[in-house]
Amino acid sequence: MPRWARILVVLGSLSLATVAYVYFFGVQTFVAFLVRNEARKLPDIAQTPVPLPDLSISAAPHAKVSYFGYELELP
C-alpha cells in the first residue's frame, strides 16, 4: 500500500473515531469543560482548609430533638 494511502486510512480512522466520540459523549464533555471553567472563576473553590482557631465547646444549654428514636443535641 502506498504511503499516501496509509496516511488517508489513518486520517479517515481518526476522523471516524472523533465523530463517534462527539456523537456519544459530546454533550457530557462540553458540560464537564463548562463546569470546570466556571469553578475556576469562584474564589472559594481555591481556598485551602485551615484548622479552627478555637476548639472549645460551648457550655450554653442546647436544644434536644428526638427523631425516629434517636436523641440529638443541636448546637
PDB file of N, CA and C in Angstrom:
ATOM      1  N   MET A   1       0.850  -1.165   0.000  1.00  0.00           N
ATOM      2  CA  MET A   1       0.000   0.000   0.000  1.00  0.00           C
ATOM      3  C   MET A   1       0.902   1.238   0.000  1.00  0.00           C
ATOM      4  N   PRO A   2       0.607   2.179  -0.864  1.00  0.00           N
ATOM      5  CA  PRO A   2       1.429   3.403  -0.911  1.00  0.00           C
ATOM      6  C   PRO A   2       1.302   4.212   0.381  1.00  0.00           C
ATOM      7  N   ARG A   3       2.301   5.028   0.588  1.00  0.00           N
ATOM      8  CA  ARG A   3       2.352   5.810   1.819  1.00  0.00           C
ATOM      9  C   ARG A   3       1.163   6.757   1.925  1.00  0.00           C
ATOM     10  N   TRP A   4       0.771   7.412   0.852  1.00  0.00           N
ATOM     11  CA  TRP A   4      -0.341   8.352   0.895  1.00  0.00           C
ATOM     12  C   TRP A   4      -1.652   7.645   1.228  1.00  0.00           C
ATOM     13  N   ALA A   5      -1.777   6.396   0.795  1.00  0.00           N
ATOM     14  CA  ALA A   5      -2.993   5.638   1.098  1.00  0.00           C
ATOM     15  C   ALA A   5      -3.041   5.305   2.591  1.00  0.00           C
ATOM     16  N   ARG A   6      -1.904   4.949   3.181  1.00  0.00           N
ATOM     17  CA  ARG A   6      -1.868   4.676   4.616  1.00  0.00           C
ATOM     18  C   ARG A   6      -2.212   5.924   5.417  1.00  0.00           C
ATOM     19  N   ILE A   7      -1.698   7.062   4.966  1.00  0.00           N
ATOM     20  CA  ILE A   7      -1.997   8.328   5.642  1.00  0.00           C
ATOM     21  C   ILE A   7      -3.496   8.621   5.565  1.00  0.00           C
ATOM     22  N   LEU A   8      -4.106   8.403   4.403  1.00  0.00           N
ATOM     23  CA  LEU A   8      -5.542   8.626   4.264  1.00  0.00           C
ATOM     24  C   LEU A   8      -6.358   7.668   5.129  1.00  0.00           C
ATOM     25  N   VAL A   9      -5.919   6.427   5.246  1.00  0.00           N
ATOM     26  CA  VAL A   9      -6.627   5.463   6.092  1.00  0.00           C
ATOM     27  C   VAL A   9      -6.535   5.882   7.555  1.00  0.00           C
ATOM     28  N   VAL A  10      -5.366   6.303   7.991  1.00  0.00           N
ATOM     29  CA  VAL A  10      -5.192   6.740   9.373  1.00  0.00           C
ATOM     30  C   VAL A  10      -6.035   7.990   9.642  1.00  0.00           C
ATOM     31  N   LEU A  11      -5.999   8.960   8.744  1.00  0.00           N
ATOM     32  CA  LEU A  11      -6.794  10.174   8.927  1.00  0.00           C
ATOM     33  C   LEU A  11      -8.288   9.869   8.909  1.00  0.00           C
ATOM     34  N   GLY A  12      -8.703   8.975   8.038  1.00  0.00           N
ATOM     35  CA  GLY A  12     -10.109   8.579   7.998  1.00  0.00           C
ATOM     36  C   GLY A  12     -10.538   7.882   9.279  1.00  0.00           C
ATOM     37  N   SER A  13      -9.692   7.006   9.800  1.00  0.00           N
ATOM     38  CA  SER A  13      -9.999   6.316  11.050  1.00  0.00           C
ATOM     39  C   SER A  13     -10.080   7.297  12.219  1.00  0.00           C
ATOM     40  N   LEU A  14      -9.139   8.228  12.270  1.00  0.00           N
ATOM     41  CA  LEU A  14      -9.160   9.221  13.334  1.00  0.00           C
ATOM     42  C   LEU A  14     -10.390  10.116  13.246  1.00  0.00           C
ATOM     43  N   SER A  15     -10.754  10.522  12.042  1.00  0.00           N
ATOM     44  CA  SER A  15     -11.942  11.363  11.901  1.00  0.00           C
ATOM     45  C   SER A  15     -13.205  10.592  12.248  1.00  0.00           C
ATOM     46  N   LEU A  16     -13.284   9.320  11.887  1.00  0.00           N
ATOM     47  CA  LEU A  16     -14.436   8.492  12.234  1.00  0.00           C
ATOM     48  C   LEU A  16     -14.524   8.307  13.750  1.00  0.00           C
ATOM     49  N   ALA A  17     -13.390   8.080  14.402  1.00  0.00           N
ATOM     50  CA  ALA A  17     -13.371   7.939  15.855  1.00  0.00           C
ATOM     51  C   ALA A  17     -13.778   9.259  16.530  1.00  0.00           C
ATOM     52  N   THR A  18     -13.341  10.379  15.991  1.00  0.00           N
ATOM     53  CA  THR A  18     -13.699  11.687  16.545  1.00  0.00           C
ATOM     54  C   THR A  18     -15.189  11.945  16.418  1.00  0.00           C
ATOM     55  N   VAL A  19     -15.746  11.642  15.271  1.00  0.00           N
ATOM     56  CA  VAL A  19     -17.189  11.832  15.054  1.00  0.00           C
ATOM     57  C   VAL A  19     -17.986  10.929  15.991  1.00  0.00           C
ATOM     58  N   ALA A  20     -17.553   9.692  16.165  1.00  0.00           N
ATOM     59  CA  ALA A  20     -18.256   8.773  17.068  1.00  0.00           C
ATOM     60  C   ALA A  20     -18.172   9.274  18.504  1.00  0.00           C
ATOM     61  N   TYR A  21     -17.010   9.763  18.930  1.00  0.00           N
ATOM     62  CA  TYR A  21     -16.865  10.279  20.287  1.00  0.00           C
ATOM     63  C   TYR A  21     -17.768  11.489  20.507  1.00  0.00           C
ATOM     64  N   VAL A  22     -17.770  12.408  19.558  1.00  0.00           N
ATOM     65  CA  VAL A  22     -18.605  13.603  19.691  1.00  0.00           C
ATOM     66  C   VAL A  22     -20.080  13.218  19.701  1.00  0.00           C
ATOM     67  N   TYR A  23     -20.465  12.242  18.913  1.00  0.00           N
ATOM     68  CA  TYR A  23     -21.854  11.815  18.859  1.00  0.00           C
ATOM     69  C   TYR A  23     -22.292  11.217  20.197  1.00  0.00           C
ATOM     70  N   PHE A  24     -21.476  10.355  20.776  1.00  0.00           N
ATOM     71  CA  PHE A  24     -21.858   9.673  22.001  1.00  0.00           C
ATOM     72  C   PHE A  24     -21.558  10.476  23.270  1.00  0.00           C
ATOM     73  N   PHE A  25     -20.456  11.215  23.305  1.00  0.00           N
ATOM     74  CA  PHE A  25     -20.016  11.879  24.530  1.00  0.00           C
ATOM     75  C   PHE A  25     -19.833  13.388  24.381  1.00  0.00           C
ATOM     76  N   GLY A  26     -20.302  13.991  23.320  1.00  0.00           N
ATOM     77  CA  GLY A  26     -20.079  15.415  23.076  1.00  0.00           C
ATOM     78  C   GLY A  26     -20.718  16.308  24.121  1.00  0.00           C
ATOM     79  N   VAL A  27     -21.983  16.041  24.460  1.00  0.00           N
ATOM     80  CA  VAL A  27     -22.688  16.885  25.419  1.00  0.00           C
ATOM     81  C   VAL A  27     -22.047  16.767  26.797  1.00  0.00           C
ATOM     82  N   GLN A  28     -21.734  15.541  27.214  1.00  0.00           N
ATOM     83  CA  GLN A  28     -21.125  15.347  28.530  1.00  0.00           C
ATOM     84  C   GLN A  28     -19.764  16.026  28.615  1.00  0.00           C
ATOM     85  N   THR A  29     -18.979  15.923  27.554  1.00  0.00           N
ATOM     86  CA  THR A  29     -17.664  16.558  27.532  1.00  0.00           C
ATOM     87  C   THR A  29     -17.794  18.068  27.600  1.00  0.00           C
ATOM     88  N   PHE A  30     -18.746  18.622  26.840  1.00  0.00           N
ATOM     89  CA  PHE A  30     -18.960  20.068  26.848  1.00  0.00           C
ATOM     90  C   PHE A  30     -19.365  20.547  28.238  1.00  0.00           C
ATOM     91  N   VAL A  31     -20.288  19.835  28.880  1.00  0.00           N
ATOM     92  CA  VAL A  31     -20.746  20.230  30.217  1.00  0.00           C
ATOM     93  C   VAL A  31     -19.601  20.119  31.224  1.00  0.00           C
ATOM     94  N   ALA A  32     -18.788  19.088  31.131  1.00  0.00           N
ATOM     95  CA  ALA A  32     -17.664  18.929  32.053  1.00  0.00           C
ATOM     96  C   ALA A  32     -16.680  20.090  31.914  1.00  0.00           C
ATOM     97  N   PHE A  33     -16.356  20.476  30.693  1.00  0.00           N
ATOM     98  CA  PHE A  33     -15.447  21.608  30.489  1.00  0.00           C
ATOM     99  C   PHE A  33     -16.077  22.917  30.942  1.00  0.00           C
ATOM    100  N   LEU A  34     -17.390  23.068  30.728  1.00  0.00           N
ATOM    101  CA  LEU A  34     -18.079  24.278  31.150  1.00  0.00           C
ATOM    102  C   LEU A  34     -18.078  24.415  32.668  1.00  0.00           C
ATOM    103  N   VAL A  35     -18.375  23.327  33.368  1.00  0.00           N
ATOM    104  CA  VAL A  35     -18.378  23.353  34.836  1.00  0.00           C
ATOM    105  C   VAL A  35     -16.969  23.604  35.366  1.00  0.00           C
ATOM    106  N   ARG A  36     -15.980  22.984  34.767  1.00  0.00           N
ATOM    107  CA  ARG A  36     -14.592  23.185  35.207  1.00  0.00           C
ATOM    108  C   ARG A  36     -14.180  24.646  35.039  1.00  0.00           C
ATOM    109  N   ASN A  37     -14.563  25.245  33.919  1.00  0.00           N
ATOM    110  CA  ASN A  37     -14.223  26.642  33.663  1.00  0.00           C
ATOM    111  C   ASN A  37     -14.941  27.565  34.647  1.00  0.00           C
ATOM    112  N   GLU A  38     -16.208  27.307  34.925  1.00  0.00           N
ATOM    113  CA  GLU A  38     -16.948  28.143  35.868  1.00  0.00           C
ATOM    114  C   GLU A  38     -16.412  27.978  37.292  1.00  0.00           C
ATOM    115  N   ALA A  39     -16.008  26.778  37.661  1.00  0.00           N
ATOM    116  CA  ALA A  39     -15.479  26.545  39.009  1.00  0.00           C
ATOM    117  C   ALA A  39     -14.162  27.281  39.223  1.00  0.00           C
ATOM    118  N   ARG A  40     -13.393  27.448  38.187  1.00  0.00           N
ATOM    119  CA  ARG A  40     -12.120  28.169  38.325  1.00  0.00           C
ATOM    120  C   ARG A  40     -12.337  29.643  38.625  1.00  0.00           C
ATOM    121  N   LYS A  41     -13.505  30.176  38.264  1.00  0.00           N
ATOM    122  CA  LYS A  41     -13.793  31.589  38.488  1.00  0.00           C
ATOM    123  C   LYS A  41     -14.209  31.875  39.926  1.00  0.00           C
ATOM    124  N   LEU A  42     -14.594  30.845  40.693  1.00  0.00           N
ATOM    125  CA  LEU A  42     -15.052  31.036  42.058  1.00  0.00           C
ATOM    126  C   LEU A  42     -13.854  31.069  43.012  1.00  0.00           C
ATOM    127  N   PRO A  43     -13.706  32.137  43.793  1.00  0.00           N
ATOM    128  CA  PRO A  43     -12.536  32.226  44.680  1.00  0.00           C
ATOM    129  C   PRO A  43     -12.604  31.247  45.852  1.00  0.00           C
ATOM    130  N   ASP A  44     -13.803  30.863  46.292  1.00  0.00           N
ATOM    131  CA  ASP A  44     -13.912  29.970  47.448  1.00  0.00           C
ATOM    132  C   ASP A  44     -13.438  28.560  47.133  1.00  0.00           C
ATOM    133  N   ILE A  45     -13.445  28.172  45.886  1.00  0.00           N
ATOM    134  CA  ILE A  45     -13.029  26.827  45.500  1.00  0.00           C
ATOM    135  C   ILE A  45     -11.528  26.636  45.737  1.00  0.00           C
ATOM    136  N   ALA A  46     -10.745  27.694  45.565  1.00  0.00           N
ATOM    137  CA  ALA A  46      -9.291  27.589  45.655  1.00  0.00           C
ATOM    138  C   ALA A  46      -8.761  27.683  47.079  1.00  0.00           C
ATOM    139  N   GLN A  47      -9.628  27.920  48.059  1.00  0.00           N
ATOM    140  CA  GLN A  47      -9.147  28.063  49.426  1.00  0.00           C
ATOM    141  C   GLN A  47      -8.730  26.716  50.000  1.00  0.00           C
ATOM    142  N   THR A  48      -7.667  26.751  50.788  1.00  0.00           N
ATOM    143  CA  THR A  48      -7.174  25.557  51.465  1.00  0.00           C
ATOM    144  C   THR A  48      -7.766  25.511  52.869  1.00  0.00           C
ATOM    145  N   PRO A  49      -8.273  24.365  53.306  1.00  0.00           N
ATOM    146  CA  PRO A  49      -8.820  24.285  54.659  1.00  0.00           C
ATOM    147  C   PRO A  49      -7.741  24.549  55.710  1.00  0.00           C
ATOM    148  N   VAL A  50      -8.124  25.260  56.764  1.00  0.00           N
ATOM    149  CA  VAL A  50      -7.202  25.562  57.869  1.00  0.00           C
ATOM    150  C   VAL A  50      -7.829  25.065  59.165  1.00  0.00           C
ATOM    151  N   PRO A  51      -7.012  24.722  60.157  1.00  0.00           N
ATOM    152  CA  PRO A  51      -7.570  24.280  61.442  1.00  0.00           C
ATOM    153  C   PRO A  51      -8.341  25.409  62.133  1.00  0.00           C
ATOM    154  N   LEU A  52      -9.362  25.028  62.907  1.00  0.00           N
ATOM    155  CA  LEU A  52     -10.123  26.021  63.657  1.00  0.00           C
ATOM    156  C   LEU A  52      -9.252  26.627  64.743  1.00  0.00           C
ATOM    157  N   PRO A  53      -9.352  27.961  64.960  1.00  0.00           N
ATOM    158  CA  PRO A  53      -8.512  28.575  65.987  1.00  0.00           C
ATOM    159  C   PRO A  53      -8.989  28.246  67.405  1.00  0.00           C
ATOM    160  N   ASP A  54     -10.297  28.011  67.574  1.00  0.00           N
ATOM    161  CA  ASP A  54     -10.845  27.744  68.910  1.00  0.00           C
ATOM    162  C   ASP A  54     -11.618  26.429  68.872  1.00  0.00           C
ATOM    163  N   LEU A  55     -11.135  25.420  69.595  1.00  0.00           N
ATOM    164  CA  LEU A  55     -11.779  24.109  69.594  1.00  0.00           C
ATOM    165  C   LEU A  55     -12.619  23.860  70.842  1.00  0.00           C
ATOM    166  N   SER A  56     -12.836  24.915  71.645  1.00  0.00           N
ATOM    167  CA  SER A  56     -13.595  24.726  72.888  1.00  0.00           C
ATOM    168  C   SER A  56     -15.075  24.498  72.579  1.00  0.00           C
ATOM    169  N   ILE A  57     -15.755  23.812  73.494  1.00  0.00           N
ATOM    170  CA  ILE A  57     -17.167  23.501  73.340  1.00  0.00           C
ATOM    171  C   ILE A  57     -17.963  24.459  74.216  1.00  0.00           C
ATOM    172  N   SER A  58     -19.050  24.980  73.672  1.00  0.00           N
ATOM    173  CA  SER A  58     -19.880  25.930  74.396  1.00  0.00           C
ATOM    174  C   SER A  58     -20.579  25.236  75.569  1.00  0.00           C
ATOM    175  N   ALA A  59     -20.664  25.957  76.702  1.00  0.00           N
ATOM    176  CA  ALA A  59     -21.342  25.421  77.881  1.00  0.00           C
ATOM    177  C   ALA A  59     -22.814  25.821  77.912  1.00  0.00           C
ATOM    178  N   ALA A  60     -23.294  26.569  76.955  1.00  0.00           N
ATOM    179  CA  ALA A  60     -24.690  27.012  76.910  1.00  0.00           C
ATOM    180  C   ALA A  60     -25.607  25.810  76.691  1.00  0.00           C
ATOM    181  N   PRO A  61     -26.811  25.868  77.240  1.00  0.00           N
ATOM    182  CA  PRO A  61     -27.736  24.739  77.036  1.00  0.00           C
ATOM    183  C   PRO A  61     -28.166  24.629  75.570  1.00  0.00           C
ATOM    184  N   HIS A  62     -28.239  23.407  75.098  1.00  0.00           N
ATOM    185  CA  HIS A  62     -28.589  23.165  73.706  1.00  0.00           C
ATOM    186  C   HIS A  62     -29.960  22.508  73.635  1.00  0.00           C
ATOM    187  N   ALA A  63     -30.637  22.716  72.539  1.00  0.00           N
ATOM    188  CA  ALA A  63     -31.937  22.080  72.339  1.00  0.00           C
ATOM    189  C   ALA A  63     -31.734  20.612  71.979  1.00  0.00           C
ATOM    190  N   LYS A  64     -32.638  19.756  72.451  1.00  0.00           N
ATOM    191  CA  LYS A  64     -32.565  18.335  72.145  1.00  0.00           C
ATOM    192  C   LYS A  64     -33.744  17.965  71.258  1.00  0.00           C
ATOM    193  N   VAL A  65     -33.481  17.121  70.280  1.00  0.00           N
ATOM    194  CA  VAL A  65     -34.500  16.704  69.331  1.00  0.00           C
ATOM    195  C   VAL A  65     -34.511  15.182  69.282  1.00  0.00           C
ATOM    196  N   SER A  66     -35.695  14.606  69.238  1.00  0.00           N
ATOM    197  CA  SER A  66     -35.818  13.164  69.110  1.00  0.00           C
ATOM    198  C   SER A  66     -36.395  12.854  67.733  1.00  0.00           C
ATOM    199  N   TYR A  67     -35.733  11.962  67.004  1.00  0.00           N
ATOM    200  CA  TYR A  67     -36.151  11.644  65.643  1.00  0.00           C
ATOM    201  C   TYR A  67     -35.967  10.160  65.405  1.00  0.00           C
ATOM    202  N   PHE A  68     -37.048   9.455  65.157  1.00  0.00           N
ATOM    203  CA  PHE A  68     -37.031   8.002  64.925  1.00  0.00           C
ATOM    204  C   PHE A  68     -36.346   7.262  66.073  1.00  0.00           C
ATOM    205  N   GLY A  69     -36.563   7.715  67.288  1.00  0.00           N
ATOM    206  CA  GLY A  69     -35.998   7.036  68.442  1.00  0.00           C
ATOM    207  C   GLY A  69     -34.579   7.460  68.780  1.00  0.00           C
ATOM    208  N   TYR A  70     -33.972   8.324  67.991  1.00  0.00           N
ATOM    209  CA  TYR A  70     -32.618   8.825  68.270  1.00  0.00           C
ATOM    210  C   TYR A  70     -32.741  10.213  68.868  1.00  0.00           C
ATOM    211  N   GLU A  71     -31.985  10.473  69.915  1.00  0.00           N
ATOM    212  CA  GLU A  71     -31.998  11.788  70.530  1.00  0.00           C
ATOM    213  C   GLU A  71     -30.737  12.539  70.107  1.00  0.00           C
ATOM    214  N   LEU A  72     -30.939  13.725  69.537  1.00  0.00           N
ATOM    215  CA  LEU A  72     -29.837  14.551  69.033  1.00  0.00           C
ATOM    216  C   LEU A  72     -29.793  15.862  69.812  1.00  0.00           C
ATOM    217  N   GLU A  73     -28.597  16.360  70.029  1.00  0.00           N
ATOM    218  CA  GLU A  73     -28.411  17.647  70.682  1.00  0.00           C
ATOM    219  C   GLU A  73     -27.970  18.656  69.627  1.00  0.00           C
ATOM    220  N   LEU A  74     -28.775  19.700  69.461  1.00  0.00           N
ATOM    221  CA  LEU A  74     -28.479  20.713  68.450  1.00  0.00           C
ATOM    222  C   LEU A  74     -27.521  21.754  68.997  1.00  0.00           C
ATOM    223  N   PRO A  75     -26.656  22.263  68.175  1.00  0.00           N
ATOM    224  CA  PRO A  75     -25.721  23.290  68.647  1.00  0.00           C
ATOM    225  C   PRO A  75     -26.414  24.616  68.860  1.00  0.00           C
TER     226      PRO A  75
END
